[in-house]
Amino acid sequence: MEDNIKKVLAGAGFNFKKQFGQNFLTDAHLLDSIVDLSGAEGCDVVEIGCGAGTLTRALAKKAAFVHAYEIDRSLQPVLSQTLAGLDNVEVTFRDFLKLRLDVVERELPPYRVVANLPYYITTPLIMMILEHSNKCLSLTVMVQEEVANRLCAQPDTPDYSAITANIALYATCKKALKVGREMFYPSPNVDSAVVRIDIERGRLGDVDEEMYRRTVQAAFSARRKTLENNLCRAFSLTRGQAEGVLTRCAIDLKVRGEKLSPEEFVKLSGELKAVL
């Protein structure tokens, strides 16, 4: 498939654009594996960044309908060839991050997101869907392996970060498949991984989402400082107030933020809300 894609791209006079992180998948077995991992069979799928259309075509074989978005209009002649003959695919040439999600979802049934993401939009896209979607069931995303490790990390590990805890408020996340750099055309400088994020709204109970996110941000704002110090600075608390909040949550006064589980962040954010 790689040779065929190279010929199509060359024939269309396509030039890769570094700013869009364009690395296309061409291995048929890998593409089929991603489709199976995504749970796309029989579902509507929103594909973000369809590139040369290789994953789009694989999705179309099993999905009810593929709503594909691509930022680079110069791929239009490429996609007209690679997606030829498919009547369950629609490509929209827009920057998905600049769209209003409520408008996008207005005409959609419940759907799954599948995306081969460049690094610079990974976090904004995932949080856009998690925070604002009313219909998305899951996201299956290809990201750099180091990013995948952060998305799926456990508390009190080096990869555990604010994005990990923020995802946990809305969903469960697992690293499903490692993908070597040689599987892309052109090959990037790093390995990648497929991550599946299953949305389970309300999984941590009744939570003030904004307060939870503010608490997580504060906890990770200076990883070398104690959670108490970070809370004092972020929320303008006195030392006594911060100690009282942590004591009521049964959290060690000397602990650092990366040791807290999502469940502990829920409790902490509730206590902070009461104090503030």
Protein backbone atom coordinates (compact mmCIF):
# COMPACT_ATOMS: atom_id res chain seq x y z
CA MET A 1 0.00 0.00 0.00
CA GLU A 2 2.87 2.40 0.75
CA ASP A 3 4.09 2.41 -2.85
CA ASN A 4 0.56 3.10 -4.08
CA ILE A 5 0.11 6.01 -1.64
CA LYS A 6 3.46 7.45 -2.69
CA LYS A 7 2.34 7.36 -6.33
CA VAL A 8 -1.00 9.01 -5.54
CA LEU A 9 0.66 11.75 -3.50
CA ALA A 10 3.28 12.39 -6.16
CA GLY A 11 0.71 12.37 -8.93
CA ALA A 12 -1.36 14.96 -7.07
CA GLY A 13 1.70 17.14 -6.56
CA PHE A 14 1.27 16.92 -2.80
CA ASN A 15 3.91 18.44 -0.52
CA PHE A 16 4.09 17.44 3.15
CA LYS A 17 3.55 20.28 5.61
CA LYS A 18 5.55 20.00 8.80
CA GLN A 19 3.18 22.22 10.77
CA PHE A 20 0.39 19.66 10.35
CA GLY A 21 2.45 16.69 11.55
CA GLN A 22 1.62 14.68 8.43
CA ASN A 23 2.73 11.05 8.79
CA PHE A 24 0.42 8.62 7.02
CA LEU A 25 -0.28 5.00 7.94
CA THR A 26 -0.01 2.53 5.07
CA ASP A 27 0.10 -0.97 6.61
CA ALA A 28 -3.24 -2.69 5.94
CA HIS A 29 -3.01 -5.05 8.94
CA LEU A 30 -2.26 -2.17 11.30
CA LEU A 31 -5.13 -0.10 9.89
CA ASP A 32 -7.54 -2.99 10.40
CA SER A 33 -6.27 -3.46 13.95
CA ILE A 34 -6.94 0.20 14.77
CA VAL A 35 -10.46 -0.08 13.36
CA ASP A 36 -11.13 -3.17 15.49
CA LEU A 37 -9.69 -1.50 18.62
CA SER A 38 -11.88 1.56 18.08
CA GLY A 39 -15.16 -0.35 18.22
CA ALA A 40 -16.16 1.33 14.94
CA GLU A 41 -18.17 -1.59 13.53
CA GLY A 42 -21.75 -0.49 12.90
CA CYS A 43 -21.14 2.95 14.44
CA ASP A 44 -20.89 6.47 13.14
CA VAL A 45 -17.26 7.58 13.32
CA VAL A 46 -15.75 11.05 13.40
CA GLU A 47 -12.22 10.87 12.02
CA ILE A 48 -10.09 13.92 12.75
CA GLY A 49 -7.16 14.37 10.37
CA CYS A 50 -7.89 11.84 7.62
CA GLY A 51 -4.63 12.60 5.78
CA ALA A 52 -4.30 10.45 2.68
CA GLY A 53 -7.42 8.49 3.56
CA THR A 54 -5.88 5.11 4.36
CA LEU A 55 -7.46 4.84 7.81
CA THR A 56 -10.65 6.45 6.47
CA ARG A 57 -11.03 3.68 3.92
CA ALA A 58 -10.37 0.99 6.53
CA LEU A 59 -12.98 2.55 8.83
CA ALA A 60 -15.53 2.75 6.01
CA LYS A 61 -15.41 -1.04 5.60
CA LYS A 62 -16.97 -1.53 9.05
CA ALA A 63 -18.45 1.78 10.22
CA ALA A 64 -22.00 2.87 9.47
CA PHE A 65 -20.69 6.26 8.33
CA VAL A 66 -17.38 8.11 8.54
CA HIS A 67 -17.50 11.87 9.06
CA ALA A 68 -13.92 12.82 8.23
CA TYR A 69 -12.27 16.19 8.92
CA GLU A 70 -9.03 17.38 7.32
CA ILE A 71 -7.31 20.73 7.78
CA ASP A 72 -5.17 20.54 4.61
CA ARG A 73 -7.22 21.30 1.48
CA SER A 74 -4.32 20.32 -0.76
CA LEU A 75 -5.17 16.68 0.09
CA GLN A 76 -8.48 16.97 -1.75
CA PRO A 77 -7.21 15.46 -5.05
CA VAL A 78 -5.50 12.68 -3.08
CA LEU A 79 -8.65 11.81 -1.16
CA SER A 80 -10.76 11.90 -4.31
CA GLN A 81 -8.68 8.91 -5.45
CA THR A 82 -8.12 6.99 -2.21
CA LEU A 83 -11.78 7.26 -1.14
CA ALA A 84 -13.29 6.74 -4.59
CA GLY A 85 -16.37 4.53 -4.62
CA LEU A 86 -17.21 4.92 -0.92
CA ASP A 87 -20.75 6.11 -0.26
CA ASN A 88 -20.50 6.14 3.55
CA VAL A 89 -17.74 8.77 3.85
CA GLU A 90 -18.00 12.55 3.91
CA VAL A 91 -14.84 14.69 4.10
CA THR A 92 -15.03 18.22 5.50
CA PHE A 93 -12.00 20.46 4.98
CA ARG A 94 -12.01 22.39 8.24
CA ASP A 95 -9.85 22.77 11.35
CA PHE A 96 -11.85 20.63 13.78
CA LEU A 97 -10.51 22.52 16.80
CA LYS A 98 -12.11 25.72 15.52
CA LEU A 99 -15.57 24.21 15.17
CA ARG A 100 -18.36 24.43 17.74
CA LEU A 101 -18.86 20.90 18.95
CA ASP A 102 -22.55 21.40 19.72
CA VAL A 103 -23.08 22.40 16.08
CA VAL A 104 -21.06 19.43 14.79
CA GLU A 105 -23.06 17.03 16.97
CA ARG A 106 -26.46 18.45 16.09
CA GLU A 107 -26.95 16.08 13.16
CA LEU A 108 -24.94 13.16 14.54
CA PRO A 109 -26.09 10.02 16.35
CA PRO A 110 -23.84 8.73 19.16
CA TYR A 111 -20.39 8.31 17.62
CA ARG A 112 -16.78 7.30 18.17
CA VAL A 113 -13.75 9.45 17.43
CA VAL A 114 -10.76 7.96 15.61
CA ALA A 115 -7.70 10.12 14.93
CA ASN A 116 -4.03 9.97 14.01
CA LEU A 117 -2.98 13.07 15.94
CA PRO A 118 0.01 15.38 15.60
CA TYR A 119 1.51 16.18 18.99
CA TYR A 120 0.43 19.82 19.12
CA ILE A 121 -3.32 19.12 19.05
CA THR A 122 -3.44 15.99 21.22
CA THR A 123 -4.35 17.55 24.56
CA PRO A 124 -6.63 20.32 23.19
CA LEU A 125 -8.59 17.85 21.07
CA ILE A 126 -9.02 15.21 23.77
CA MET A 127 -10.16 17.75 26.36
CA MET A 128 -12.46 19.49 23.86
CA ILE A 129 -14.30 16.21 23.32
CA LEU A 130 -14.32 15.14 26.97
CA GLU A 131 -15.47 18.49 28.34
CA HIS A 132 -18.02 19.46 25.70
CA SER A 133 -19.33 16.42 23.83
CA ASN A 134 -22.80 15.08 24.54
CA LYS A 135 -22.66 12.18 22.08
CA CYS A 136 -19.10 10.85 21.85
CA LEU A 137 -18.73 7.29 23.19
CA SER A 138 -14.97 6.87 22.89
CA LEU A 139 -11.78 8.20 21.35
CA THR A 140 -9.18 5.97 19.73
CA VAL A 141 -6.16 8.10 19.00
CA MET A 142 -2.68 7.54 17.61
CA VAL A 143 -0.20 9.68 19.56
CA GLN A 144 3.51 9.77 20.29
CA GLU A 145 4.38 6.93 22.67
CA GLU A 146 5.58 9.27 25.42
CA VAL A 147 2.25 11.10 25.24
CA ALA A 148 0.38 7.79 25.43
CA ASN A 149 2.31 6.95 28.59
CA ARG A 150 1.18 10.23 30.17
CA LEU A 151 -2.44 9.81 29.14
CA CYS A 152 -2.65 6.36 30.74
CA ALA A 153 -0.28 6.73 33.72
CA GLN A 154 -1.01 5.64 37.28
CA PRO A 155 -0.71 8.01 40.28
CA ASP A 156 2.75 8.40 41.83
CA THR A 157 4.61 7.50 38.65
CA PRO A 158 6.88 9.78 36.59
CA ASP A 159 4.39 9.95 33.69
CA TYR A 160 1.38 10.86 35.86
CA SER A 161 0.39 14.45 35.10
CA ALA A 162 -2.45 16.96 34.99
CA ILE A 163 -3.76 15.56 31.69
CA THR A 164 -3.94 12.07 33.23
CA ALA A 165 -6.02 13.27 36.16
CA ASN A 166 -8.24 15.45 33.96
CA ILE A 167 -9.03 12.57 31.61
CA ALA A 168 -9.88 10.38 34.61
CA LEU A 169 -12.73 12.73 35.53
CA TYR A 170 -14.57 11.77 32.34
CA ALA A 171 -13.16 8.49 31.08
CA THR A 172 -10.96 5.45 31.42
CA CYS A 173 -7.84 5.26 29.29
CA LYS A 174 -5.67 2.38 28.11
CA LYS A 175 -2.67 2.03 25.85
CA ALA A 176 -3.87 -0.53 23.32
CA LEU A 177 -1.11 -0.87 20.73
CA LYS A 178 2.48 0.24 20.20
CA VAL A 179 3.31 1.40 16.67
CA GLY A 180 6.89 1.71 15.45
CA ARG A 181 7.99 4.76 13.50
CA GLU A 182 8.68 2.60 10.45
CA MET A 183 4.93 2.03 10.03
CA PHE A 184 4.41 5.60 8.80
CA TYR A 185 5.15 7.41 5.57
CA PRO A 186 7.19 9.49 5.95
CA SER A 187 8.68 8.00 9.13
CA PRO A 188 8.60 10.32 12.16
CA ASN A 189 11.48 10.55 14.63
CA VAL A 190 9.64 8.78 17.46
CA ASP A 191 7.50 5.70 18.04
CA SER A 192 3.77 6.02 18.53
CA ALA A 193 0.95 4.21 20.32
CA VAL A 194 -2.78 3.79 19.98
CA VAL A 195 -4.75 4.86 23.03
CA ARG A 196 -8.43 4.13 23.60
CA ILE A 197 -10.38 6.47 25.86
CA ASP A 198 -13.85 5.27 26.89
CA ILE A 199 -16.11 8.03 28.14
CA GLU A 200 -17.97 7.31 31.39
CA ARG A 201 -19.53 10.56 32.52
CA GLY A 202 -20.16 10.77 36.25
CA ARG A 203 -17.70 7.94 36.94
CA LEU A 204 -16.24 9.84 39.92
CA GLY A 205 -19.60 10.93 41.31
CA ASP A 206 -21.07 14.41 41.62
CA VAL A 207 -18.14 16.74 40.96
CA ASP A 208 -17.77 20.46 40.28
CA GLU A 209 -15.77 19.99 37.09
CA GLU A 210 -14.26 23.47 37.00
CA MET A 211 -13.13 23.21 40.63
CA TYR A 212 -11.68 19.76 39.97
CA ARG A 213 -9.65 21.05 37.01
CA ARG A 214 -8.43 24.07 39.00
CA THR A 215 -7.34 21.76 41.82
CA VAL A 216 -5.47 19.45 39.44
CA GLN A 217 -3.78 22.42 37.76
CA ALA A 218 -2.68 23.76 41.14
CA ALA A 219 -1.37 20.38 42.29
CA PHE A 220 0.86 19.97 39.24
CA SER A 221 1.88 23.63 38.89
CA ALA A 222 5.23 23.01 40.61
CA ARG A 223 5.98 19.31 40.92
CA ARG A 224 8.92 19.79 43.28
CA LYS A 225 6.82 21.69 45.80
CA THR A 226 4.43 20.14 48.28
CA LEU A 227 0.73 20.10 47.54
CA GLU A 228 0.20 22.40 50.52
CA ASN A 229 2.50 25.05 49.06
CA ASN A 230 0.88 24.80 45.64
CA LEU A 231 -2.60 25.18 47.11
CA CYS A 232 -1.57 28.23 49.12
CA ARG A 233 -0.20 29.92 46.04
CA ALA A 234 -2.94 28.93 43.58
CA PHE A 235 -5.92 29.70 45.81
CA SER A 236 -4.42 32.44 48.05
CA LEU A 237 -4.96 30.26 51.14
CA THR A 238 -3.30 30.81 54.46
CA ARG A 239 -1.07 28.01 55.70
CA GLY A 240 -3.69 27.15 58.30
CA GLN A 241 -6.47 26.94 55.69
CA ALA A 242 -4.42 24.67 53.45
CA GLU A 243 -3.50 22.40 56.35
CA GLY A 244 -7.15 22.22 57.41
CA VAL A 245 -8.30 21.23 53.93
CA LEU A 246 -5.66 18.51 53.62
CA THR A 247 -6.35 17.18 57.12
CA ARG A 248 -10.09 16.88 56.43
CA CYS A 249 -9.23 14.93 53.26
CA ALA A 250 -6.85 12.65 55.20
CA ILE A 251 -4.00 13.75 52.95
CA ASP A 252 -0.43 13.93 54.29
CA LEU A 253 0.64 17.56 54.72
CA LYS A 254 3.97 16.88 53.02
CA VAL A 255 2.60 15.02 50.00
CA ARG A 256 3.20 16.18 46.43
CA GLY A 257 0.37 16.49 43.95
CA GLU A 258 1.39 13.61 41.70
CA LYS A 259 0.67 11.12 44.49
CA LEU A 260 -3.06 11.89 44.55
CA SER A 261 -5.53 9.61 42.78
CA PRO A 262 -8.44 11.09 40.80
CA GLU A 263 -10.74 10.10 43.67
CA GLU A 264 -8.59 12.09 46.10
CA PHE A 265 -8.67 15.08 43.75
CA VAL A 266 -12.48 14.90 43.83
CA LYS A 267 -12.50 15.04 47.63
CA LEU A 268 -9.87 17.77 47.74
CA SER A 269 -11.68 19.94 45.18
CA GLY A 270 -14.88 19.64 47.21
CA GLU A 271 -13.14 20.81 50.40
CA LEU A 272 -11.46 23.68 48.55
CA LYS A 273 -14.79 24.79 47.12
CA ALA A 274 -16.26 24.90 50.61
CA VAL A 275 -13.37 27.03 51.89
CA LEU A 276 -13.35 29.42 48.95
